[in-house]
């Protein structure tokens, strides 16, 4: 089980991190253009296919049998590995290559905001800037970007692949 979790977690983490790196450096080089959220979430979905594959591999390793609980735990652990790699890569990029990310992101969001929503968005961006002053908050916010999708994939995979 351990080998399946680590292997699939690392592969999924590499997939999502490569796309995140590309999008981050694109945003840094082209601050006037907003990177595609569709591409970002598509890379997360692609990475979490390794959750499904891992649950399936775990079932095959147990003679074609896996309970919902065992499938969910396997998927959740793979999701945690993928998400942790994503968070670590983001921290490295943020602190070493893109320390002004939150300012650039805030300016881009506010530039693309409708006038009637400007006050609300400005308050949101100011809150984000406050949160980004704390490494713990950066870690939590980054986990919140990706981990809920992993939990969802773990649930779906466990339900679809369970076999008694």
Protein backbone atom coordinates (compact mmCIF):
# COMPACT_ATOMS: atom_id res chain seq x y z
CA UNK A 1 0.00 0.00 0.00
CA UNK A 2 2.75 2.41 0.99
CA UNK A 3 4.51 2.04 -2.36
CA UNK A 4 1.26 2.62 -4.28
CA UNK A 5 0.52 5.78 -2.28
CA UNK A 6 3.99 7.26 -2.65
CA UNK A 7 4.35 6.41 -6.36
CA UNK A 8 0.94 7.76 -7.38
CA UNK A 9 1.24 10.76 -5.06
CA UNK A 10 4.60 11.77 -6.50
CA UNK A 11 3.41 11.34 -10.10
CA UNK A 12 0.27 13.40 -9.44
CA UNK A 13 2.32 16.01 -7.58
CA UNK A 14 4.70 16.34 -10.51
CA UNK A 15 1.83 16.79 -12.98
CA UNK A 16 0.06 19.53 -11.00
CA UNK A 17 3.32 21.26 -10.06
CA UNK A 18 4.60 21.48 -13.63
CA UNK A 19 1.41 23.17 -14.77
CA UNK A 20 1.42 25.46 -11.72
CA UNK A 21 5.03 26.45 -12.45
CA UNK A 22 4.19 27.21 -16.06
CA UNK A 23 1.18 29.31 -15.12
CA UNK A 24 3.09 31.16 -12.39
CA UNK A 25 5.99 32.10 -14.61
CA UNK A 26 3.57 33.05 -17.38
CA UNK A 27 1.79 35.38 -14.93
CA UNK A 28 5.12 36.83 -13.79
CA UNK A 29 6.22 37.49 -17.37
CA UNK A 30 2.80 38.78 -18.49
CA UNK A 31 1.25 40.64 -15.55
CA UNK A 32 -1.42 42.19 -17.75
CA UNK A 33 -2.92 38.78 -18.61
CA UNK A 34 -4.82 36.62 -16.17
CA UNK A 35 -3.81 32.96 -16.27
CA UNK A 36 -6.58 30.51 -17.09
CA UNK A 37 -8.33 29.04 -14.06
CA UNK A 38 -9.62 26.31 -16.37
CA UNK A 39 -6.05 25.18 -17.07
CA UNK A 40 -5.23 25.24 -13.36
CA UNK A 41 -8.22 23.15 -12.34
CA UNK A 42 -7.78 20.82 -15.33
CA UNK A 43 -4.24 20.10 -14.14
CA UNK A 44 -5.58 19.30 -10.68
CA UNK A 45 -8.16 16.92 -12.15
CA UNK A 46 -5.43 15.31 -14.26
CA UNK A 47 -3.19 14.93 -11.21
CA UNK A 48 -5.99 13.37 -9.17
CA UNK A 49 -6.50 10.67 -11.77
CA UNK A 50 -3.56 9.12 -9.92
CA UNK A 51 -5.89 8.81 -6.90
CA UNK A 52 -8.24 6.64 -8.95
CA UNK A 53 -5.32 4.64 -10.36
CA UNK A 54 -3.89 4.15 -6.87
CA UNK A 55 -7.19 2.88 -5.47
CA UNK A 56 -7.47 0.50 -8.43
CA UNK A 57 -3.89 -0.72 -7.92
CA UNK A 58 -4.59 -1.26 -4.22
CA UNK A 59 -7.67 -3.30 -5.11
CA UNK A 60 -5.64 -5.42 -7.55
CA UNK A 61 -2.95 -5.94 -4.89
CA UNK A 62 -5.67 -7.33 -2.59
CA UNK A 63 -6.94 -9.99 -5.03
CA UNK A 64 -9.56 -7.68 -6.58
CA UNK A 65 -11.16 -6.76 -3.25
CA UNK A 66 -11.27 -3.35 -1.56
CA UNK A 67 -13.73 -1.85 0.88
CA UNK A 68 -15.00 1.70 0.68
CA UNK A 69 -12.98 2.63 3.78
CA UNK A 70 -9.71 1.15 2.50
CA UNK A 71 -10.27 2.76 -0.91
CA UNK A 72 -11.03 6.13 0.65
CA UNK A 73 -7.99 6.04 2.94
CA UNK A 74 -5.75 5.05 0.02
CA UNK A 75 -7.16 7.89 -2.10
CA UNK A 76 -6.93 10.38 0.73
CA UNK A 77 -3.28 9.55 1.42
CA UNK A 78 -2.42 9.89 -2.28
CA UNK A 79 -4.28 13.22 -2.29
CA UNK A 80 -2.26 14.39 0.70
CA UNK A 81 1.01 13.54 -1.05
CA UNK A 82 -0.08 15.34 -4.23
CA UNK A 83 -1.28 18.37 -2.26
CA UNK A 84 1.86 18.51 -0.13
CA UNK A 85 4.09 18.49 -3.20
CA UNK A 86 1.95 21.28 -4.67
CA UNK A 87 2.25 23.34 -1.47
CA UNK A 88 6.03 22.81 -1.20
CA UNK A 89 6.59 23.78 -4.84
CA UNK A 90 4.43 26.89 -4.38
CA UNK A 91 6.37 27.92 -1.26
CA UNK A 92 9.68 27.53 -3.11
CA UNK A 93 8.40 29.54 -6.08
CA UNK A 94 6.78 32.22 -3.93
CA UNK A 95 9.67 32.86 -1.57
CA UNK A 96 12.48 32.52 -4.14
CA UNK A 97 11.10 33.68 -7.48
CA UNK A 98 7.81 35.53 -7.05
CA UNK A 99 7.69 37.32 -3.68
CA UNK A 100 5.47 40.07 -5.12
CA UNK A 101 2.88 37.54 -6.32
CA UNK A 102 0.06 38.74 -4.06
CA UNK A 103 0.57 42.37 -5.11
CA UNK A 104 0.63 41.44 -8.80
CA UNK A 105 -2.36 39.12 -8.42
CA UNK A 106 -4.31 41.76 -6.50
CA UNK A 107 -3.62 44.40 -9.15
CA UNK A 108 -4.72 41.99 -11.90
CA UNK A 109 -7.95 41.07 -10.06
CA UNK A 110 -8.83 44.69 -9.31
CA UNK A 111 -8.11 45.74 -12.90
CA UNK A 112 -10.61 43.14 -14.14
CA UNK A 113 -13.30 43.93 -11.55
CA UNK A 114 -16.55 45.67 -12.44
CA UNK A 115 -16.89 49.14 -10.86
CA UNK A 116 -19.86 48.11 -8.70
CA UNK A 117 -17.83 45.23 -7.20
CA UNK A 118 -14.60 47.19 -6.71
CA UNK A 119 -15.07 47.97 -3.00
CA UNK A 120 -15.81 44.34 -2.14
CA UNK A 121 -12.93 42.98 -4.24
CA UNK A 122 -10.53 45.55 -2.77
CA UNK A 123 -11.44 44.37 0.73
CA UNK A 124 -10.94 40.74 -0.32
CA UNK A 125 -7.55 41.50 -1.84
CA UNK A 126 -6.46 43.42 1.27
CA UNK A 127 -7.43 40.39 3.36
CA UNK A 128 -5.40 38.13 1.08
CA UNK A 129 -2.40 40.45 1.43
CA UNK A 130 -2.70 40.20 5.22
CA UNK A 131 -2.92 36.42 5.05
CA UNK A 132 0.12 36.25 2.76
CA UNK A 133 2.23 37.88 5.49
CA UNK A 134 2.13 34.57 7.41
CA UNK A 135 3.78 31.41 6.03
CA UNK A 136 1.23 29.31 7.93
CA UNK A 137 -1.63 31.08 6.16
CA UNK A 138 0.08 30.66 2.79
CA UNK A 139 0.33 26.92 3.47
CA UNK A 140 -3.32 26.70 4.57
CA UNK A 141 -4.59 28.74 1.61
CA UNK A 142 -2.57 26.65 -0.83
CA UNK A 143 -3.88 23.39 0.66
CA UNK A 144 -7.41 24.80 0.36
CA UNK A 145 -6.86 25.30 -3.38
CA UNK A 146 -6.14 21.67 -4.07
CA UNK A 147 -7.00 19.30 -1.21
CA UNK A 148 -10.83 19.53 -1.47
CA UNK A 149 -10.60 18.26 -5.05
CA UNK A 150 -8.44 15.38 -3.83
CA UNK A 151 -10.98 14.50 -1.15
CA UNK A 152 -13.73 14.50 -3.76
CA UNK A 153 -11.70 12.22 -6.06
CA UNK A 154 -10.98 9.92 -3.09
CA UNK A 155 -14.70 9.63 -2.32
CA UNK A 156 -15.66 9.02 -5.92
CA UNK A 157 -12.85 6.50 -6.45
CA UNK A 158 -13.71 4.62 -3.26
CA UNK A 159 -17.39 4.41 -4.20
CA UNK A 160 -16.80 3.38 -7.82
CA UNK A 161 -13.98 0.91 -7.16
CA UNK A 162 -15.14 -0.78 -3.95
CA UNK A 163 -15.54 -4.51 -4.37
CA UNK A 164 -16.21 -7.09 -1.71
